[in-house]
Amino acid sequence: MGSSAKSQRQTTTGGREATTGVISGRYSLSVGNPRTPAPDGWRWTSLSDIARLESGHTPSRRKPEYWDGNIPWIGIADATSNHGRTIYETFQTVSQAGVDNSSTRLLPEGTVCLSRTASVGFVVEMGRPMCTSQDFVNWVCSEHLNSQFLRYVLLSEHDSMMRFASGTTHQTIYYPEAKAFHVCLPKLSEQTRIAELLGSVDSKIEALENQSENLSDLARAIFKSWFVDFDPVRAKAEGREPEGMDAATAALFPSEFRESVLGAIPAGWSIGRLDDLLVLQRGFDLPHTQRTPGVYPVIAASGPSGTHNEPRVKAPGVVTGRSGVIGKVYWVDDDFWPLNTSLWVKDFKRATPAYAFQLLKLLDLPSYNAGSAVPTLNRNHVHGLPTLLPPANIVRAFDEFATTLYQRIHINRKQSETLIDLRDTLLPRLISGKLRVPEAEKLLEAVL
């Protein structure tokens, strides 16, 4: 090992020396050298020999000038919401004064971060220079270690991290264990090929997710433009052609406003109650003994989970949390069974699925909490809300437009699920050397 690699042993964590014990992971990571046979061309290496171990720190919260600067600061929330990814932005930032007057350190792009306490085992890589909290152990990789490869090693060993952790009240990976980490590595060129192959799959997944997010944003923006800001009506009132729609759709909108209890609304539109548009129904629940796994998805307050064997609600559907978690609204593009923690749109009446979905997302549903210890949404508290009643032909026009977007989002989600399954199948086999890159490339070509 060259002098530059040897210099990586100079950590900034201090404290106790590396443990001398051995705790093996599942694939290619271990506390201590497990001395298990390595694949041809691979070898077990002390991680501290090829990467500099760095700790994190939190500047004083009593010094507001240490916070809200231009330096990203990785906390647990950043790691749990971006597990396995390269990140460029963080929920919180620190200032240069916060760095200068605390033990936090600005670490370089490519630093690989592992959460070691609170939520153990979450991995992110820095896309630009950042700092981290003390909840992380961080590795600055030398020229002998591909940072993306290390990220994938740690990602593949997520389930092993609790074996490396200890503690009575809170599980923590302590520094003696982190200093003793060993990784089974191929040559750098092979590390790079593995990282690039897995990265290509992750890039496709991320591209699909980004496209779906953009489509969702577009549907929300059009709803706001048509039914909140009344942009097409304003344009026609000012003698302009409404933007972003064909002549037939533009002709559906009036060219003037009238006053109402909700303020100025388009002429010809009316005001009613929410239950003039749609009817919410409480979901149901059956004992576990009456459920059959693997039949229909169940929609609970926190989103899709579990299965149920009773007659399903036909998709597309709209569901919101009734108890525990209220205010979340879900578009459901598969047939489902709503649990009793949810409200679902039983009758769309003058609404449509796409219109109901956007309208309920727009309402401040948590403010109608009827519970005390447990937040609860009572449908009767929202059914009577004064609500705009647009003409049916405009609601249908929006539904046709938005449903096309949601169908594309549904396709993207299915494709993402396929790619995630493929990535999760390839990851441990590539990282452990049981599958080599040429064979993995053939598998990808067959699927993609």
Protein backbone atom coordinates (compact mmCIF):
# COMPACT_ATOMS: atom_id res chain seq x y z
CA MET A 1 0.00 0.00 0.00
CA GLY A 2 1.38 3.41 -0.99
CA SER A 3 2.11 6.29 1.35
CA SER A 4 -1.04 8.15 0.31
CA ALA A 5 -3.15 5.17 1.35
CA LYS A 6 -1.25 4.79 4.61
CA SER A 7 -2.01 8.42 5.40
CA GLN A 8 -5.71 7.53 5.40
CA ARG A 9 -5.16 5.86 8.77
CA GLN A 10 -4.95 9.29 10.38
CA THR A 11 -8.53 9.64 11.55
CA THR A 12 -10.01 12.64 13.33
CA THR A 13 -12.30 10.65 15.60
CA GLY A 14 -9.95 10.09 18.52
CA GLY A 15 -11.14 7.88 21.33
CA ARG A 16 -10.55 4.18 21.75
CA GLU A 17 -8.61 2.04 19.31
CA ALA A 18 -10.24 -0.36 16.90
CA THR A 19 -11.81 -3.41 18.45
CA THR A 20 -9.97 -6.69 18.00
CA GLY A 21 -13.10 -8.80 17.75
CA VAL A 22 -14.73 -10.06 14.56
CA ILE A 23 -18.40 -9.59 13.61
CA SER A 24 -19.08 -10.75 10.09
CA GLY A 25 -21.60 -9.09 7.79
CA ARG A 26 -23.58 -10.87 5.10
CA TYR A 27 -21.56 -10.10 1.98
CA SER A 28 -18.41 -8.02 1.94
CA LEU A 29 -18.25 -6.03 5.18
CA SER A 30 -17.05 -7.12 8.59
CA VAL A 31 -15.94 -5.73 11.93
CA GLY A 32 -12.41 -7.12 12.01
CA ASN A 33 -10.91 -9.36 9.35
CA PRO A 34 -13.14 -12.44 9.05
CA ARG A 35 -10.45 -14.26 7.05
CA THR A 36 -13.13 -15.93 4.97
CA PRO A 37 -12.12 -16.87 1.41
CA ALA A 38 -12.38 -13.96 -1.04
CA PRO A 39 -13.37 -14.32 -4.72
CA ASP A 40 -10.53 -14.52 -7.23
CA GLY A 41 -8.88 -11.12 -7.55
CA TRP A 42 -10.55 -9.78 -4.38
CA ARG A 43 -9.12 -9.36 -0.88
CA TRP A 44 -10.17 -8.31 2.59
CA THR A 45 -8.82 -4.85 3.44
CA SER A 46 -9.05 -2.63 6.48
CA LEU A 47 -11.33 0.24 5.50
CA SER A 48 -9.20 2.65 7.53
CA ASP A 49 -6.22 1.78 5.29
CA ILE A 50 -7.95 3.09 2.18
CA ALA A 51 -10.29 5.77 3.56
CA ARG A 52 -10.00 8.45 6.23
CA LEU A 53 -12.56 8.02 8.99
CA GLU A 54 -14.18 11.31 10.05
CA SER A 55 -16.71 12.12 12.75
CA GLY A 56 -19.47 14.71 12.61
CA HIS A 57 -20.62 17.41 14.99
CA THR A 58 -23.53 19.76 15.68
CA PRO A 59 -22.71 23.45 16.15
CA SER A 60 -24.35 25.10 19.15
CA ARG A 61 -28.08 25.59 18.69
CA ARG A 62 -27.84 28.56 21.05
CA LYS A 63 -25.87 30.45 18.42
CA PRO A 64 -28.28 31.34 15.61
CA GLU A 65 -25.37 32.79 13.62
CA TYR A 66 -24.00 29.24 13.30
CA TRP A 67 -27.04 28.10 11.32
CA ASP A 68 -28.87 28.79 8.03
CA GLY A 69 -25.67 29.46 6.13
CA ASN A 70 -24.64 28.09 2.74
CA ILE A 71 -22.95 24.88 3.95
CA PRO A 72 -25.12 21.71 3.79
CA TRP A 73 -25.28 19.80 7.07
CA ILE A 74 -26.42 16.18 6.97
CA GLY A 75 -28.76 15.04 9.73
CA ILE A 76 -30.63 11.80 10.29
CA ALA A 77 -33.65 13.01 8.29
CA ASP A 78 -31.43 13.52 5.25
CA ALA A 79 -30.09 9.98 5.49
CA THR A 80 -33.42 8.23 6.06
CA SER A 81 -35.10 10.09 3.18
CA ASN A 82 -32.19 9.59 0.76
CA HIS A 83 -30.92 6.14 1.75
CA GLY A 84 -28.44 4.83 -0.79
CA ARG A 85 -28.28 8.03 -2.82
CA THR A 86 -25.91 10.87 -3.54
CA ILE A 87 -27.32 14.06 -2.02
CA TYR A 88 -26.76 17.68 -2.93
CA GLU A 89 -29.14 19.49 -0.60
CA THR A 90 -29.95 19.03 3.08
CA PHE A 91 -32.81 20.01 5.36
CA GLN A 92 -30.50 22.20 7.46
CA THR A 93 -27.41 24.24 6.70
CA VAL A 94 -24.65 25.77 8.80
CA SER A 95 -22.58 28.90 8.37
CA GLN A 96 -18.84 29.25 8.08
CA ALA A 97 -18.90 30.64 11.62
CA GLY A 98 -20.58 27.40 12.74
CA VAL A 99 -17.76 25.40 11.18
CA ASP A 100 -15.01 27.67 12.50
CA ASN A 101 -16.32 27.63 16.07
CA SER A 102 -17.20 23.97 16.53
CA SER A 103 -15.81 20.52 15.94
CA THR A 104 -17.82 20.04 12.76
CA ARG A 105 -15.71 19.58 9.66
CA LEU A 106 -16.36 20.41 6.02
CA LEU A 107 -15.83 17.13 4.18
CA PRO A 108 -15.23 16.77 0.44
CA GLU A 109 -17.53 15.63 -2.33
CA GLY A 110 -17.64 11.84 -2.47
CA THR A 111 -17.51 11.36 1.29
CA VAL A 112 -19.61 8.33 2.24
CA CYS A 113 -21.73 8.73 5.39
CA LEU A 114 -23.23 5.99 7.56
CA SER A 115 -25.73 6.78 10.31
CA ARG A 116 -24.43 5.12 13.45
CA THR A 117 -27.05 6.06 16.05
CA ALA A 118 -30.74 7.02 16.27
CA SER A 119 -31.57 5.33 12.93
CA VAL A 120 -28.66 2.96 12.38
CA GLY A 121 -27.40 1.89 8.97
CA PHE A 122 -28.60 4.57 6.56
CA VAL A 123 -26.11 5.54 3.85
CA VAL A 124 -25.65 8.64 1.71
CA GLU A 125 -22.81 10.06 -0.35
CA MET A 126 -21.98 13.75 -0.51
CA GLY A 127 -22.54 15.28 -3.93
CA ARG A 128 -20.65 18.38 -2.84
CA PRO A 129 -18.71 19.48 0.27
CA MET A 130 -20.85 19.11 3.40
CA CYS A 131 -20.79 18.64 7.15
CA THR A 132 -22.61 16.01 9.19
CA SER A 133 -23.99 15.61 12.68
CA GLN A 134 -22.31 13.37 15.24
CA ASP A 135 -24.83 10.68 14.29
CA PHE A 136 -22.59 9.66 11.39
CA VAL A 137 -19.30 7.99 10.68
CA ASN A 138 -17.87 9.31 7.43
CA TRP A 139 -15.23 7.98 5.06
CA VAL A 140 -13.15 10.13 2.74
CA CYS A 141 -12.00 7.62 0.15
CA SER A 142 -8.44 7.43 -1.15
CA GLU A 143 -7.50 6.72 -4.77
CA HIS A 144 -7.68 3.00 -3.95
CA LEU A 145 -11.40 3.02 -3.18
CA ASN A 146 -14.31 4.03 -5.39
CA SER A 147 -16.70 6.01 -3.19
CA GLN A 148 -19.77 4.76 -5.04
CA PHE A 149 -18.60 1.18 -4.58
CA LEU A 150 -18.25 1.77 -0.83
CA ARG A 151 -21.73 3.30 -0.76
CA TYR A 152 -23.12 0.16 -2.39
CA VAL A 153 -21.21 -2.08 0.03
CA LEU A 154 -22.74 -0.28 3.01
CA LEU A 155 -26.15 -0.24 1.35
CA SER A 156 -26.04 -4.01 0.76
CA GLU A 157 -25.13 -4.56 4.42
CA HIS A 158 -28.00 -2.50 5.85
CA ASP A 159 -29.44 -5.52 7.68
CA SER A 160 -26.02 -6.30 9.17
CA MET A 161 -25.60 -2.91 10.83
CA MET A 162 -27.57 -3.89 13.91
CA ARG A 163 -25.09 -6.72 14.44
CA PHE A 164 -22.32 -4.16 14.50
CA ALA A 165 -24.26 -1.95 16.93
CA SER A 166 -24.59 -2.26 20.69
CA GLY A 167 -26.19 -0.39 23.57
CA THR A 168 -28.96 -0.76 26.09
CA THR A 169 -31.21 2.25 25.56
CA HIS A 170 -30.23 3.12 21.97
CA GLN A 171 -28.38 0.93 19.51
CA THR A 172 -25.18 2.60 18.29
CA ILE A 173 -22.25 1.64 16.08
CA TYR A 174 -19.38 2.84 18.22
CA TYR A 175 -16.08 4.05 16.82
CA PRO A 176 -14.00 1.01 17.88
CA GLU A 177 -16.23 -1.08 15.60
CA ALA A 178 -16.20 1.47 12.78
CA LYS A 179 -12.40 1.69 12.97
CA ALA A 180 -12.25 -2.10 12.64
CA PHE A 181 -14.39 -2.29 9.49
CA HIS A 182 -12.95 -4.50 6.77
CA VAL A 183 -14.24 -4.66 3.20
CA CYS A 184 -13.74 -7.31 0.57
CA LEU A 185 -12.56 -5.47 -2.54
CA PRO A 186 -11.68 -6.16 -6.14
CA LYS A 187 -9.23 -3.96 -8.04
CA LEU A 188 -10.22 -0.32 -8.47
CA SER A 189 -11.18 -0.83 -12.13
CA GLU A 190 -13.61 -3.58 -11.11
CA GLN A 191 -15.01 -1.45 -8.28
CA THR A 192 -15.70 1.28 -10.81
CA ARG A 193 -17.41 -1.06 -13.26
CA ILE A 194 -19.66 -2.47 -10.53
CA ALA A 195 -20.52 1.00 -9.25
CA GLU A 196 -21.29 2.26 -12.76
CA LEU A 197 -23.52 -0.71 -13.54
CA LEU A 198 -25.54 -0.37 -10.34
CA GLY A 199 -25.53 3.38 -10.78
CA SER A 200 -27.07 3.05 -14.25
CA VAL A 201 -30.04 1.20 -12.74
CA ASP A 202 -30.39 3.75 -9.95
CA SER A 203 -30.26 6.57 -12.50
CA LYS A 204 -33.16 5.04 -14.43
CA ILE A 205 -35.15 4.68 -11.20
CA GLU A 206 -34.42 8.28 -10.24
CA ALA A 207 -35.34 9.52 -13.73
CA LEU A 208 -38.72 7.77 -13.51
CA GLU A 209 -39.32 9.20 -10.04
CA ASN A 210 -38.40 12.70 -11.20
CA GLN A 211 -40.68 12.42 -14.22
CA SER A 212 -43.54 11.27 -12.00
CA GLU A 213 -42.96 14.14 -9.61
CA ASN A 214 -43.00 16.61 -12.51
CA LEU A 215 -46.23 15.12 -13.85
CA SER A 216 -47.80 15.32 -10.40
CA ASP A 217 -46.69 18.95 -10.09
CA LEU A 218 -48.20 19.68 -13.51
CA ALA A 219 -51.59 18.23 -12.55
CA ARG A 220 -51.57 20.27 -9.34
CA ALA A 221 -50.57 23.45 -11.22
CA ILE A 222 -53.34 23.06 -13.80
CA PHE A 223 -55.93 22.46 -11.06
CA LYS A 224 -54.81 25.62 -9.27
CA SER A 225 -54.80 27.61 -12.51
CA TRP A 226 -58.29 26.55 -13.53
CA PHE A 227 -60.14 26.25 -10.21
CA VAL A 228 -58.30 28.52 -7.75
CA ASP A 229 -56.68 31.36 -9.71
CA PHE A 230 -59.17 31.19 -12.62
CA ASP A 231 -56.41 32.03 -15.10
CA PRO A 232 -58.41 31.11 -18.24
CA VAL A 233 -61.29 33.38 -17.14
CA ARG A 234 -58.92 36.25 -16.33
CA ALA A 235 -57.24 35.90 -19.71
CA LYS A 236 -60.55 36.01 -21.58
CA ALA A 237 -61.76 38.94 -19.44
CA GLU A 238 -58.63 40.83 -20.53
CA GLY A 239 -59.10 39.93 -24.18
CA ARG A 240 -56.30 37.35 -24.24
CA GLU A 241 -56.33 33.73 -25.28
CA PRO A 242 -55.93 31.35 -22.31
CA GLU A 243 -52.49 29.79 -22.29
CA GLY A 244 -51.73 26.09 -22.51
CA MET A 245 -55.07 24.87 -23.85
CA ASP A 246 -56.76 24.31 -27.19
CA ALA A 247 -59.61 26.44 -28.47
CA ALA A 248 -62.27 23.87 -27.55
CA THR A 249 -61.15 23.79 -23.91
CA ALA A 250 -60.79 27.58 -23.75
CA ALA A 251 -64.37 27.94 -25.00
CA LEU A 252 -65.62 26.14 -21.88
CA PHE A 253 -64.58 29.05 -19.64
CA PRO A 254 -66.60 32.30 -19.27
CA SER A 255 -65.04 35.71 -19.79
CA GLU A 256 -66.28 37.45 -16.65
CA PHE A 257 -66.66 37.04 -12.89
CA ARG A 258 -69.46 37.41 -10.38
CA GLU A 259 -69.39 37.95 -6.61
CA SER A 260 -70.15 35.10 -4.20
CA VAL A 261 -69.70 34.16 -0.54
CA LEU A 262 -66.28 32.86 -1.55
CA GLY A 263 -65.36 36.06 -3.37
CA ALA A 264 -65.17 36.59 -7.12
CA ILE A 265 -65.88 33.41 -9.06
CA PRO A 266 -66.39 32.75 -12.78
CA ALA A 267 -69.82 33.70 -14.10
CA GLY A 268 -72.12 30.71 -14.36
CA TRP A 269 -70.30 28.76 -11.65
CA SER A 270 -72.07 28.16 -8.33
CA ILE A 271 -71.32 27.61 -4.65
CA GLY A 272 -72.43 24.55 -2.72
CA ARG A 273 -71.17 22.15 -0.07
CA LEU A 274 -68.43 19.58 -0.36
CA ASP A 275 -71.00 16.79 -0.23
CA ASP A 276 -72.61 18.28 -3.35
CA LEU A 277 -69.41 17.24 -5.11
CA LEU A 278 -68.46 14.00 -3.39
CA VAL A 279 -69.29 11.70 -0.49
CA LEU A 280 -66.63 10.44 1.90
CA GLN A 281 -67.04 7.03 3.49
CA ARG A 282 -65.28 5.59 6.51
CA GLY A 283 -63.24 2.49 5.74
CA PHE A 284 -63.76 -0.83 7.46
CA ASP A 285 -61.65 -3.43 9.16
CA LEU A 286 -61.98 -7.14 9.76
CA PRO A 287 -60.21 -9.39 12.27
CA HIS A 288 -56.91 -10.75 11.03
CA THR A 289 -58.43 -14.23 11.04
CA GLN A 290 -60.78 -13.13 8.26
CA ARG A 291 -58.08 -11.71 6.02
CA THR A 292 -56.34 -13.56 3.23
CA PRO A 293 -52.86 -12.23 2.37
CA GLY A 294 -52.00 -11.38 -1.18
CA VAL A 295 -55.40 -10.51 -2.62
CA TYR A 296 -56.10 -6.77 -2.65
CA PRO A 297 -54.04 -3.84 -1.38
CA VAL A 298 -55.28 -2.24 1.81
CA ILE A 299 -55.22 1.54 2.16
CA ALA A 300 -54.64 2.73 5.72
CA ALA A 301 -53.99 6.20 7.13
CA SER A 302 -50.28 5.94 6.40
CA GLY A 303 -50.74 4.71 2.82
CA PRO A 304 -50.92 1.39 0.99
CA SER A 305 -50.04 -1.61 3.16
CA GLY A 306 -51.15 -5.17 3.72
CA THR A 307 -53.88 -7.15 1.96
CA HIS A 308 -57.54 -8.02 2.40
CA ASN A 309 -59.89 -10.65 1.02
CA GLU A 310 -63.18 -8.73 0.92
CA PRO A 311 -64.76 -7.17 -2.22
CA ARG A 312 -62.56 -4.38 -3.40
CA VAL A 313 -63.18 -0.75 -4.28
CA LYS A 314 -62.68 -0.25 -7.98
CA ALA A 315 -59.86 2.03 -9.07
CA PRO A 316 -59.19 4.82 -9.61
CA GLY A 317 -59.86 5.84 -6.05
CA VAL A 318 -59.12 8.68 -3.66
CA VAL A 319 -58.32 8.04 0.01
CA THR A 320 -57.36 10.22 2.96
CA GLY A 321 -56.34 9.40 6.52
CA ARG A 322 -59.17 9.44 9.08
CA SER A 323 -57.27 8.73 12.31
CA GLY A 324 -53.65 8.70 13.41
CA VAL A 325 -52.47 10.50 10.29
CA ILE A 326 -54.89 12.96 8.73
CA GLY A 327 -54.38 15.27 5.81
CA LYS A 328 -52.53 12.81 3.57
CA VAL A 329 -54.47 12.24 0.36
CA TYR A 330 -53.73 9.33 -1.98
CA TRP A 331 -54.56 8.67 -5.61
CA VAL A 332 -55.05 4.89 -5.85
CA ASP A 333 -54.66 3.36 -9.29
CA ASP A 334 -55.21 -0.26 -8.25
CA ASP A 335 -58.38 -1.79 -6.80
CA PHE A 336 -58.21 -1.56 -3.01
CA TRP A 337 -59.88 -2.14 0.36
CA PRO A 338 -60.00 0.93 2.65
CA LEU A 339 -59.26 0.26 6.33
CA ASN A 340 -61.13 1.96 9.15
CA THR A 341 -58.29 4.42 9.66
CA SER A 342 -59.17 6.00 6.32
CA LEU A 343 -61.89 7.92 4.53
CA TRP A 344 -62.44 7.17 0.85
CA VAL A 345 -64.54 8.79 -1.82
CA LYS A 346 -67.53 6.48 -2.13
CA ASP A 347 -69.50 8.68 -4.53
CA PHE A 348 -67.87 11.29 -6.77
CA LYS A 349 -71.26 12.86 -7.63
CA ARG A 350 -70.37 16.13 -9.46
CA ALA A 351 -66.65 15.54 -9.03
CA THR A 352 -64.36 13.08 -10.80
CA PRO A 353 -61.47 11.10 -9.28
CA ALA A 354 -58.82 13.54 -10.52
CA TYR A 355 -60.81 16.60 -9.41
CA ALA A 356 -61.62 15.08 -5.99
CA PHE A 357 -57.98 14.16 -5.45
CA GLN A 358 -56.72 17.69 -6.08
CA LEU A 359 -59.56 19.32 -4.15
CA LEU A 360 -58.99 17.22 -1.02
CA LYS A 361 -55.24 17.88 -1.21
CA LEU A 362 -56.01 21.60 -1.31
CA LEU A 363 -58.20 21.52 1.83
CA ASP A 364 -56.56 21.96 5.22
CA LEU A 365 -57.88 18.62 6.46
CA PRO A 366 -55.78 18.47 9.68
CA SER A 367 -57.53 21.63 10.89
CA TYR A 368 -60.78 19.65 11.07
CA ASN A 369 -59.38 17.27 13.68
CA ALA A 370 -62.19 15.98 15.89
CA GLY A 371 -60.05 13.84 18.18
CA SER A 372 -58.29 14.59 21.42
CA ALA A 373 -55.60 12.02 22.20
CA VAL A 374 -55.59 10.68 18.63
CA PRO A 375 -56.16 13.08 15.71
CA THR A 376 -59.34 12.03 13.90
CA LEU A 377 -61.07 13.36 10.80
CA ASN A 378 -64.88 13.22 10.92
CA ARG A 379 -66.40 13.29 7.45
CA ASN A 380 -69.38 15.30 8.71
CA HIS A 381 -67.01 18.12 9.61
CA VAL A 382 -65.88 18.51 6.01
CA HIS A 383 -69.03 17.55 4.09
CA GLY A 384 -70.58 20.90 4.97
CA LEU A 385 -67.67 23.03 3.81
CA PRO A 386 -68.66 25.73 1.27
CA THR A 387 -67.21 24.61 -2.05
CA LEU A 388 -67.00 25.90 -5.59
CA LEU A 389 -69.15 23.90 -8.02
CA PRO A 390 -67.63 24.27 -11.51
CA PRO A 391 -69.59 23.20 -14.61
CA ALA A 392 -69.42 19.48 -15.29
CA ASN A 393 -67.83 19.90 -18.72
CA ILE A 394 -64.85 21.79 -17.24
CA VAL A 395 -64.43 19.20 -14.48
CA ARG A 396 -64.46 16.46 -17.13
CA ALA A 397 -61.89 18.32 -19.22
CA PHE A 398 -59.57 18.50 -16.22
CA ASP A 399 -60.15 14.84 -15.42
CA GLU A 400 -59.21 13.75 -18.95
CA PHE A 401 -56.01 15.77 -18.80
CA ALA A 402 -54.99 14.77 -15.26
CA THR A 403 -55.92 11.10 -15.60
CA THR A 404 -53.52 10.79 -18.53
CA LEU A 405 -50.77 12.11 -16.26
CA TYR A 406 -51.69 9.72 -13.44
CA GLN A 407 -51.68 6.79 -15.86
CA ARG A 408 -48.15 7.71 -16.86
CA ILE A 409 -47.19 7.96 -13.18
CA HIS A 410 -48.67 4.50 -12.63
CA ILE A 411 -46.61 3.06 -15.50
CA ASN A 412 -43.50 4.75 -14.11
CA ARG A 413 -44.15 3.27 -10.68
CA LYS A 414 -44.46 -0.23 -12.09
CA GLN A 415 -41.25 0.22 -14.08
CA SER A 416 -39.49 1.55 -10.98
CA GLU A 417 -40.63 -1.45 -8.96
CA THR A 418 -39.19 -3.78 -11.59
CA LEU A 419 -35.89 -1.90 -11.62
CA ILE A 420 -35.70 -1.81 -7.82
CA ASP A 421 -36.23 -5.56 -7.67
CA LEU A 422 -33.52 -6.01 -10.28
CA ARG A 423 -31.12 -3.69 -8.46
CA ASP A 424 -31.77 -5.41 -5.15
CA THR A 425 -31.09 -8.78 -6.77
CA LEU A 426 -27.86 -7.67 -8.45
CA LEU A 427 -26.49 -5.62 -5.55
CA PRO A 428 -25.48 -8.33 -3.06
CA ARG A 429 -24.25 -10.67 -5.78
CA LEU A 430 -22.07 -8.03 -7.44
CA ILE A 431 -20.78 -6.64 -4.14
CA SER A 432 -19.80 -10.11 -2.93
CA GLY A 433 -18.14 -11.14 -6.18
CA LYS A 434 -20.60 -13.99 -6.78
CA LEU A 435 -21.74 -12.31 -10.00
CA ARG A 436 -19.27 -10.61 -12.30
CA VAL A 437 -19.95 -7.53 -14.37
CA PRO A 438 -20.17 -9.17 -17.84
CA GLU A 439 -22.88 -11.58 -16.63
CA ALA A 440 -24.74 -8.76 -14.88
CA GLU A 441 -24.62 -6.65 -18.05
CA LYS A 442 -26.25 -9.49 -19.98
CA LEU A 443 -29.02 -9.69 -17.39
CA LEU A 444 -29.60 -5.96 -17.66
CA GLU A 445 -29.73 -6.10 -21.45
CA ALA A 446 -32.38 -8.83 -21.24
CA VAL A 447 -34.54 -6.79 -18.86
CA LEU A 448 -33.95 -3.29 -20.20
